[in-house]
Structure formats: structure tokens, C-alpha cells
């Protein structure tokens, strides 16, 4: 796994690099600015970029914009975005194109090394990783969508774990139920959210987006 880290805080940037190298992962470059990130992606062709949301010069959304441009230059690049706070727009934006090979974690998650590494591997392997705290805080903003009120408490639990990027087997293990039970819950979620399999959309992603959307 070839990794580029883009983070303007030098302590966090070098700390991440040390952590990953201690796990025998190949950190090929670090960057302090969006332009340095893009140059590193062009030069090193990494498998994944770990990117801070807020980077110079304005510390607003430069990290997100640089990540989008990096994926345009290197299709298939996995991106794991780090943020100090829950920012709903960034979470939903990450999922807007299908969510594959994308993750959004709070920076505090880095200190939980096993969870951080699991999320990193998940996005590199083609999945999605959304911080559980992000999901928990966004849940309270979904109540205006009446369709979500149709879901049972267990179905909401399953949808929350889907939003974290977990697959059916991982959800089953988390809830201590069978894979078949999870499959039934997901089919029910799709039905209650009026997601038609014939419309050509990825129903799993659409369900998660509705969950995260605070319309």
C-alpha cells in the first residue's frame, strides 16, 4: 500500500507517517499544501491519500477540492479525509459519486490505531469508511425525512452501520445476528425508503445519503 499524507500541521503529519511506517506501510510522500499533495500524487502514483479537510491558504475546503482533483488525475485513488469536527456537507459530498474508496474520519480516531488502520484498509480495498461519531451526530438531523420514520429501531441500527461503510457480514457480527437477518433488514430498508431496484441506482448508497441528509 503506497500512501501520501496531506496535513498542514507538521506534528500530526509526521506522527501519521511514523504510525503508518511502524505498521510496515509505505508512506511515499507527505504534503503540507494542496499543491504539494497533487505533485506527490503525480510523482508517486499512490494507492491512497490521507487528506486534511482544512488546508492553506484559507483553511476551509481546500483539502476536499485537492482530493477531488487528485482522484481526477489518478482514477481509483482511495481517499481518507480527516477532519477535526463533524461537517455534514463533506460527509455527504464524499458519498455523492457512489462512495467507493472513500472515507471520512474525525482526527481523534487516529489515536485508536486499530480502528484507524481498519478504515484505511477498507477504503483501499474499495469500500467506504464513515466515522461512527459522524454518523451519530448526523442521525439527529435526519428526522425531517418522513420515510426514515418508517424504519424500525433495528433497521436504523443496520442503516447506521451501512453509513459507516460496513458490509453485511460485518454488520451481522456487530449486531450478533445472522447474515440472512441483515439481508432481510436491508431489503426492508430499501422497500420503506421507496428504492426501486429497477431504476439503476446503487440503493445502498442512496439509502445512506438519505440517512445523512438533513433536509
C-alpha atoms as a PDB file:
ATOM      1  CA  UNK A   1       0.000   0.000   0.000  1.00  0.00           C
ATOM      2  CA  UNK A   2       1.550   3.293  -1.155  1.00  0.00           C
ATOM      3  CA  UNK A   3       0.371   6.287   0.918  1.00  0.00           C
ATOM      4  CA  UNK A   4       0.536  10.072   0.584  1.00  0.00           C
ATOM      5  CA  UNK A   5      -0.320  12.215   3.617  1.00  0.00           C
ATOM      6  CA  UNK A   6      -1.575  15.800   3.189  1.00  0.00           C
ATOM      7  CA  UNK A   7      -1.765  17.674   6.500  1.00  0.00           C
ATOM      8  CA  UNK A   8      -0.564  21.213   7.262  1.00  0.00           C
ATOM      9  CA  UNK A   9       0.032  20.523  10.968  1.00  0.00           C
ATOM     10  CA  UNK A  10       3.627  19.222  10.985  1.00  0.00           C
ATOM     11  CA  UNK A  11       3.224  17.287  14.235  1.00  0.00           C
ATOM     12  CA  UNK A  12       0.154  15.411  13.030  1.00  0.00           C
ATOM     13  CA  UNK A  13       1.645  14.913   9.579  1.00  0.00           C
ATOM     14  CA  UNK A  14       4.849  13.368  10.862  1.00  0.00           C
ATOM     15  CA  UNK A  15       3.026  11.471  13.588  1.00  0.00           C
ATOM     16  CA  UNK A  16       0.789   9.838  10.998  1.00  0.00           C
ATOM     17  CA  UNK A  17       3.791   8.962   8.877  1.00  0.00           C
ATOM     18  CA  UNK A  18       5.583   7.359  11.844  1.00  0.00           C
ATOM     19  CA  UNK A  19       2.467   5.410  12.850  1.00  0.00           C
ATOM     20  CA  UNK A  20       1.944   4.014   9.368  1.00  0.00           C
ATOM     21  CA  UNK A  21       5.595   3.176   8.814  1.00  0.00           C
ATOM     22  CA  UNK A  22       5.605   1.351  12.153  1.00  0.00           C
ATOM     23  CA  UNK A  23       2.872  -0.832  10.644  1.00  0.00           C
ATOM     24  CA  UNK A  24       5.165  -1.590   7.684  1.00  0.00           C
ATOM     25  CA  UNK A  25       3.090   0.591   5.349  1.00  0.00           C
ATOM     26  CA  UNK A  26       4.801   2.573   2.595  1.00  0.00           C
ATOM     27  CA  UNK A  27       4.417   6.332   3.114  1.00  0.00           C
ATOM     28  CA  UNK A  28       5.877   7.589  -0.158  1.00  0.00           C
ATOM     29  CA  UNK A  29       5.365  11.319   0.467  1.00  0.00           C
ATOM     30  CA  UNK A  30       3.963  13.908   2.858  1.00  0.00           C
ATOM     31  CA  UNK A  31       2.497  17.283   1.880  1.00  0.00           C
ATOM     32  CA  UNK A  32       1.693  20.499   3.726  1.00  0.00           C
ATOM     33  CA  UNK A  33      -0.362  22.166   0.973  1.00  0.00           C
ATOM     34  CA  UNK A  34      -2.857  21.122  -1.711  1.00  0.00           C
ATOM     35  CA  UNK A  35      -0.333  21.802  -4.469  1.00  0.00           C
ATOM     36  CA  UNK A  36       2.241  19.579  -2.761  1.00  0.00           C
ATOM     37  CA  UNK A  37      -0.394  16.829  -2.491  1.00  0.00           C
ATOM     38  CA  UNK A  38      -1.170  16.962  -6.201  1.00  0.00           C
ATOM     39  CA  UNK A  39       2.529  16.972  -7.088  1.00  0.00           C
ATOM     40  CA  UNK A  40       3.063  13.924  -4.868  1.00  0.00           C
ATOM     41  CA  UNK A  41       0.114  12.086  -6.476  1.00  0.00           C
ATOM     42  CA  UNK A  42       1.525  12.805  -9.939  1.00  0.00           C
ATOM     43  CA  UNK A  43       5.038  11.702  -8.986  1.00  0.00           C
ATOM     44  CA  UNK A  44       4.423   8.691  -6.748  1.00  0.00           C
ATOM     45  CA  UNK A  45       1.068   7.293  -8.012  1.00  0.00           C
ATOM     46  CA  UNK A  46      -0.083   6.235  -4.526  1.00  0.00           C
ATOM     47  CA  UNK A  47      -2.873   3.810  -3.693  1.00  0.00           C
ATOM     48  CA  UNK A  48      -4.357   6.110  -1.056  1.00  0.00           C
ATOM     49  CA  UNK A  49      -4.184   9.740   0.040  1.00  0.00           C
ATOM     50  CA  UNK A  50      -4.876  10.756   3.652  1.00  0.00           C
ATOM     51  CA  UNK A  51      -6.079  14.350   3.431  1.00  0.00           C
ATOM     52  CA  UNK A  52      -6.986  17.037   5.959  1.00  0.00           C
ATOM     53  CA  UNK A  53     -10.236  18.850   5.086  1.00  0.00           C
ATOM     54  CA  UNK A  54      -8.983  22.298   6.024  1.00  0.00           C
ATOM     55  CA  UNK A  55      -5.688  23.275   4.393  1.00  0.00           C
ATOM     56  CA  UNK A  56      -3.933  26.506   3.362  1.00  0.00           C
ATOM     57  CA  UNK A  57      -4.458  29.152   2.253  1.00  0.00           C
ATOM     58  CA  UNK A  58      -7.984  29.714   3.633  1.00  0.00           C
ATOM     59  CA  UNK A  59      -8.359  26.554   5.734  1.00  0.00           C
ATOM     60  CA  UNK A  60     -11.910  25.982   4.519  1.00  0.00           C
ATOM     61  CA  UNK A  61     -12.354  23.263   1.883  1.00  0.00           C
ATOM     62  CA  UNK A  62      -9.012  23.157   0.079  1.00  0.00           C
ATOM     63  CA  UNK A  63      -8.388  19.595   1.215  1.00  0.00           C
ATOM     64  CA  UNK A  64     -11.659  18.337  -0.269  1.00  0.00           C
ATOM     65  CA  UNK A  65     -11.019  20.176  -3.543  1.00  0.00           C
ATOM     66  CA  UNK A  66      -7.494  18.785  -3.741  1.00  0.00           C
ATOM     67  CA  UNK A  67      -8.791  15.265  -3.067  1.00  0.00           C
ATOM     68  CA  UNK A  68     -11.325  15.584  -5.891  1.00  0.00           C
ATOM     69  CA  UNK A  69      -8.619  16.806  -8.259  1.00  0.00           C
ATOM     70  CA  UNK A  70      -6.257  14.019  -7.158  1.00  0.00           C
ATOM     71  CA  UNK A  71      -8.914  11.414  -7.991  1.00  0.00           C
ATOM     72  CA  UNK A  72      -9.471  13.076 -11.364  1.00  0.00           C
ATOM     73  CA  UNK A  73      -5.757  12.805 -12.121  1.00  0.00           C
ATOM     74  CA  UNK A  74      -5.482   9.276 -10.744  1.00  0.00           C
ATOM     75  CA  UNK A  75      -8.797   7.421 -11.177  1.00  0.00           C
ATOM     76  CA  UNK A  76      -9.302   4.807  -8.492  1.00  0.00           C
ATOM     77  CA  UNK A  77      -7.209   6.640  -5.921  1.00  0.00           C
ATOM     78  CA  UNK A  78      -8.539   5.884  -2.438  1.00  0.00           C
ATOM     79  CA  UNK A  79      -9.002   8.950  -0.235  1.00  0.00           C
ATOM     80  CA  UNK A  80      -9.333   9.037   3.539  1.00  0.00           C
ATOM     81  CA  UNK A  81     -10.317  12.523   4.702  1.00  0.00           C
ATOM     82  CA  UNK A  82      -9.577  13.688   8.235  1.00  0.00           C
ATOM     83  CA  UNK A  83     -11.488  16.464   9.996  1.00  0.00           C
ATOM     84  CA  UNK A  84     -11.379  17.960  13.478  1.00  0.00           C
ATOM     85  CA  UNK A  85     -15.164  18.406  13.534  1.00  0.00           C
ATOM     86  CA  UNK A  86     -18.308  16.799  12.140  1.00  0.00           C
ATOM     87  CA  UNK A  87     -19.037  18.603   8.890  1.00  0.00           C
ATOM     88  CA  UNK A  88     -22.151  17.166   7.248  1.00  0.00           C
ATOM     89  CA  UNK A  89     -21.606  18.682   3.816  1.00  0.00           C
ATOM     90  CA  UNK A  90     -18.228  16.992   3.468  1.00  0.00           C
ATOM     91  CA  UNK A  91     -19.572  13.599   4.547  1.00  0.00           C
ATOM     92  CA  UNK A  92     -22.439  13.660   2.062  1.00  0.00           C
ATOM     93  CA  UNK A  93     -20.222  15.083  -0.684  1.00  0.00           C
ATOM     94  CA  UNK A  94     -17.816  12.182  -0.287  1.00  0.00           C
ATOM     95  CA  UNK A  95     -20.649   9.730  -0.909  1.00  0.00           C
ATOM     96  CA  UNK A  96     -22.232  11.639  -3.779  1.00  0.00           C
ATOM     97  CA  UNK A  97     -20.384   9.771  -6.541  1.00  0.00           C
ATOM     98  CA  UNK A  98     -21.013   6.345  -5.032  1.00  0.00           C
ATOM     99  CA  UNK A  99     -18.669   6.368  -2.065  1.00  0.00           C
ATOM    100  CA  UNK A 100     -16.230   3.740  -3.355  1.00  0.00           C
ATOM    101  CA  UNK A 101     -12.692   4.012  -1.983  1.00  0.00           C
ATOM    102  CA  UNK A 102     -13.619   6.993   0.211  1.00  0.00           C
ATOM    103  CA  UNK A 103     -13.551   7.629   3.940  1.00  0.00           C
ATOM    104  CA  UNK A 104     -14.245  10.453   6.380  1.00  0.00           C
ATOM    105  CA  UNK A 105     -12.872  10.195   9.926  1.00  0.00           C
ATOM    106  CA  UNK A 106     -12.536  12.570  12.826  1.00  0.00           C
ATOM    107  CA  UNK A 107      -8.908  13.214  13.704  1.00  0.00           C
ATOM    108  CA  UNK A 108      -9.423  11.815  17.190  1.00  0.00           C
ATOM    109  CA  UNK A 109      -9.978   8.419  15.541  1.00  0.00           C
ATOM    110  CA  UNK A 110      -6.279   8.323  14.561  1.00  0.00           C
ATOM    111  CA  UNK A 111      -5.420   7.695  18.209  1.00  0.00           C
ATOM    112  CA  UNK A 112      -7.469   4.499  18.104  1.00  0.00           C
ATOM    113  CA  UNK A 113      -4.904   2.803  15.949  1.00  0.00           C
ATOM    114  CA  UNK A 114      -6.733  -0.432  15.163  1.00  0.00           C
ATOM    115  CA  UNK A 115      -9.898   1.413  14.103  1.00  0.00           C
ATOM    116  CA  UNK A 116      -7.922   3.900  12.031  1.00  0.00           C
ATOM    117  CA  UNK A 117      -5.969   1.176  10.244  1.00  0.00           C
ATOM    118  CA  UNK A 118      -9.157  -0.831   9.627  1.00  0.00           C
ATOM    119  CA  UNK A 119     -10.752   2.224   7.995  1.00  0.00           C
ATOM    120  CA  UNK A 120      -7.647   2.817   5.898  1.00  0.00           C
ATOM    121  CA  UNK A 121      -7.602  -0.754   4.632  1.00  0.00           C
ATOM    122  CA  UNK A 122     -11.343  -0.633   3.959  1.00  0.00           C
ATOM    123  CA  UNK A 123     -11.114   2.354   1.614  1.00  0.00           C
ATOM    124  CA  UNK A 124      -8.056   0.934  -0.179  1.00  0.00           C
ATOM    125  CA  UNK A 125      -9.983  -2.296  -0.750  1.00  0.00           C
ATOM    126  CA  UNK A 126     -12.820  -0.376  -2.410  1.00  0.00           C
ATOM    127  CA  UNK A 127     -15.153   0.339   0.497  1.00  0.00           C
ATOM    128  CA  UNK A 128     -16.418   3.350   2.413  1.00  0.00           C
ATOM    129  CA  UNK A 129     -15.492   4.359   5.968  1.00  0.00           C
ATOM    130  CA  UNK A 130     -17.546   6.984   7.799  1.00  0.00           C
ATOM    131  CA  UNK A 131     -16.636   7.794  11.395  1.00  0.00           C
ATOM    132  CA  UNK A 132     -19.233   6.402  13.854  1.00  0.00           C
ATOM    133  CA  UNK A 133     -19.332   9.765  15.638  1.00  0.00           C
ATOM    134  CA  UNK A 134     -20.139  11.483  12.350  1.00  0.00           C
ATOM    135  CA  UNK A 135     -22.988   9.042  11.793  1.00  0.00           C
ATOM    136  CA  UNK A 136     -24.260   9.505  15.359  1.00  0.00           C
ATOM    137  CA  UNK A 137     -24.292  13.296  15.138  1.00  0.00           C
ATOM    138  CA  UNK A 138     -25.895  13.317  11.700  1.00  0.00           C
ATOM    139  CA  UNK A 139     -28.656  10.946  12.794  1.00  0.00           C
ATOM    140  CA  UNK A 140     -30.425  13.658  14.782  1.00  0.00           C
ATOM    141  CA  UNK A 141     -30.617  15.759  11.603  1.00  0.00           C
ATOM    142  CA  UNK A 142     -32.500  13.206   9.545  1.00  0.00           C
ATOM    143  CA  UNK A 143     -35.863  13.406  11.269  1.00  0.00           C
ATOM    144  CA  UNK A 144     -37.466  15.672   8.645  1.00  0.00           C
ATOM    145  CA  UNK A 145     -37.449  12.835   6.096  1.00  0.00           C
ATOM    146  CA  UNK A 146     -40.732  11.038   6.850  1.00  0.00           C
ATOM    147  CA  UNK A 147     -39.518   7.932   5.031  1.00  0.00           C
ATOM    148  CA  UNK A 148     -36.932   7.356   7.737  1.00  0.00           C
ATOM    149  CA  UNK A 149     -39.703   7.285  10.338  1.00  0.00           C
ATOM    150  CA  UNK A 150     -40.928   4.092   8.671  1.00  0.00           C
ATOM    151  CA  UNK A 151     -37.803   2.230   9.771  1.00  0.00           C
ATOM    152  CA  UNK A 152     -37.767   0.092  12.895  1.00  0.00           C
ATOM    153  CA  UNK A 153     -35.092   0.680  15.568  1.00  0.00           C
ATOM    154  CA  UNK A 154     -33.189  -2.383  14.321  1.00  0.00           C
ATOM    155  CA  UNK A 155     -33.365  -1.166  10.715  1.00  0.00           C
ATOM    156  CA  UNK A 156     -31.993   2.202  11.821  1.00  0.00           C
ATOM    157  CA  UNK A 157     -29.122   0.378  13.524  1.00  0.00           C
ATOM    158  CA  UNK A 158     -28.392  -1.511  10.317  1.00  0.00           C
ATOM    159  CA  UNK A 159     -28.550   1.681   8.254  1.00  0.00           C
ATOM    160  CA  UNK A 160     -26.214   3.449  10.685  1.00  0.00           C
ATOM    161  CA  UNK A 161     -23.655   0.661  10.266  1.00  0.00           C
ATOM    162  CA  UNK A 162     -24.111   0.799   6.486  1.00  0.00           C
ATOM    163  CA  UNK A 163     -23.312   4.518   6.725  1.00  0.00           C
ATOM    164  CA  UNK A 164     -20.048   3.638   8.487  1.00  0.00           C
ATOM    165  CA  UNK A 165     -19.154   1.550   5.447  1.00  0.00           C
ATOM    166  CA  UNK A 166     -19.654  -1.913   6.941  1.00  0.00           C
ATOM    167  CA  UNK A 167     -20.685  -4.799   4.706  1.00  0.00           C
ATOM    168  CA  UNK A 168     -23.407  -7.308   5.552  1.00  0.00           C
ATOM    169  CA  UNK A 169     -21.087  -9.790   7.299  1.00  0.00           C
ATOM    170  CA  UNK A 170     -19.517  -7.074   9.455  1.00  0.00           C
ATOM    171  CA  UNK A 171     -22.957  -5.710  10.346  1.00  0.00           C
ATOM    172  CA  UNK A 172     -24.100  -9.212  11.321  1.00  0.00           C
ATOM    173  CA  UNK A 173     -21.083  -9.634  13.584  1.00  0.00           C
ATOM    174  CA  UNK A 174     -21.613  -6.222  15.163  1.00  0.00           C
ATOM    175  CA  UNK A 175     -25.285  -6.903  15.919  1.00  0.00           C
ATOM    176  CA  UNK A 176     -24.747 -10.612  16.728  1.00  0.00           C
ATOM    177  CA  UNK A 177     -27.284 -11.775  14.133  1.00  0.00           C
ATOM    178  CA  UNK A 178     -27.076 -13.918  11.005  1.00  0.00           C
ATOM    179  CA  UNK A 179     -26.116 -12.657   7.549  1.00  0.00           C
ATOM    180  CA  UNK A 180     -29.596 -13.662   6.443  1.00  0.00           C
ATOM    181  CA  UNK A 181     -31.187 -11.439   9.075  1.00  0.00           C
ATOM    182  CA  UNK A 182     -29.113  -8.483   7.930  1.00  0.00           C
ATOM    183  CA  UNK A 183     -30.081  -9.146   4.316  1.00  0.00           C
ATOM    184  CA  UNK A 184     -33.769  -9.119   5.289  1.00  0.00           C
ATOM    185  CA  UNK A 185     -33.367  -5.867   7.205  1.00  0.00           C
ATOM    186  CA  UNK A 186     -31.658  -4.221   4.230  1.00  0.00           C
ATOM    187  CA  UNK A 187     -34.383  -5.380   1.841  1.00  0.00           C
ATOM    188  CA  UNK A 188     -36.949  -3.892   4.219  1.00  0.00           C
ATOM    189  CA  UNK A 189     -34.984  -0.629   4.416  1.00  0.00           C
ATOM    190  CA  UNK A 190     -34.952  -0.349   0.626  1.00  0.00           C
ATOM    191  CA  UNK A 191     -38.693  -1.013   0.455  1.00  0.00           C
ATOM    192  CA  UNK A 192     -39.572   1.504   3.176  1.00  0.00           C
ATOM    193  CA  UNK A 193     -37.384   4.174   1.549  1.00  0.00           C
ATOM    194  CA  UNK A 194     -39.095   3.557  -1.815  1.00  0.00           C
ATOM    195  CA  UNK A 195     -35.865   2.481  -3.511  1.00  0.00           C
ATOM    196  CA  UNK A 196     -36.733   0.598  -6.684  1.00  0.00           C
ATOM    197  CA  UNK A 197     -34.108  -1.922  -7.923  1.00  0.00           C
ATOM    198  CA  UNK A 198     -35.203  -1.198 -11.483  1.00  0.00           C
ATOM    199  CA  UNK A 199     -34.132   2.459 -11.509  1.00  0.00           C
ATOM    200  CA  UNK A 200     -30.429   1.663 -11.980  1.00  0.00           C
ATOM    201  CA  UNK A 201     -29.157   3.428  -8.847  1.00  0.00           C
ATOM    202  CA  UNK A 202     -26.998   1.909  -6.108  1.00  0.00           C
ATOM    203  CA  UNK A 203     -29.720   1.510  -3.484  1.00  0.00           C
ATOM    204  CA  UNK A 204     -27.233   1.038  -0.656  1.00  0.00           C
ATOM    205  CA  UNK A 205     -25.571   4.389  -1.374  1.00  0.00           C
ATOM    206  CA  UNK A 206     -28.903   6.195  -1.861  1.00  0.00           C
ATOM    207  CA  UNK A 207     -30.162   4.826   1.468  1.00  0.00           C
ATOM    208  CA  UNK A 208     -27.039   6.085   3.239  1.00  0.00           C
ATOM    209  CA  UNK A 209     -27.318   9.503   1.585  1.00  0.00           C
ATOM    210  CA  UNK A 210     -30.915   9.833   2.752  1.00  0.00           C
ATOM    211  CA  UNK A 211     -29.795   8.840   6.217  1.00  0.00           C
ATOM    212  CA  UNK A 212     -27.117  11.529   6.239  1.00  0.00           C
ATOM    213  CA  UNK A 213     -29.250  14.176   4.589  1.00  0.00           C
ATOM    214  CA  UNK A 214     -30.850  16.654   6.986  1.00  0.00           C
ATOM    215  CA  UNK A 215     -33.420  18.008   4.535  1.00  0.00           C
END
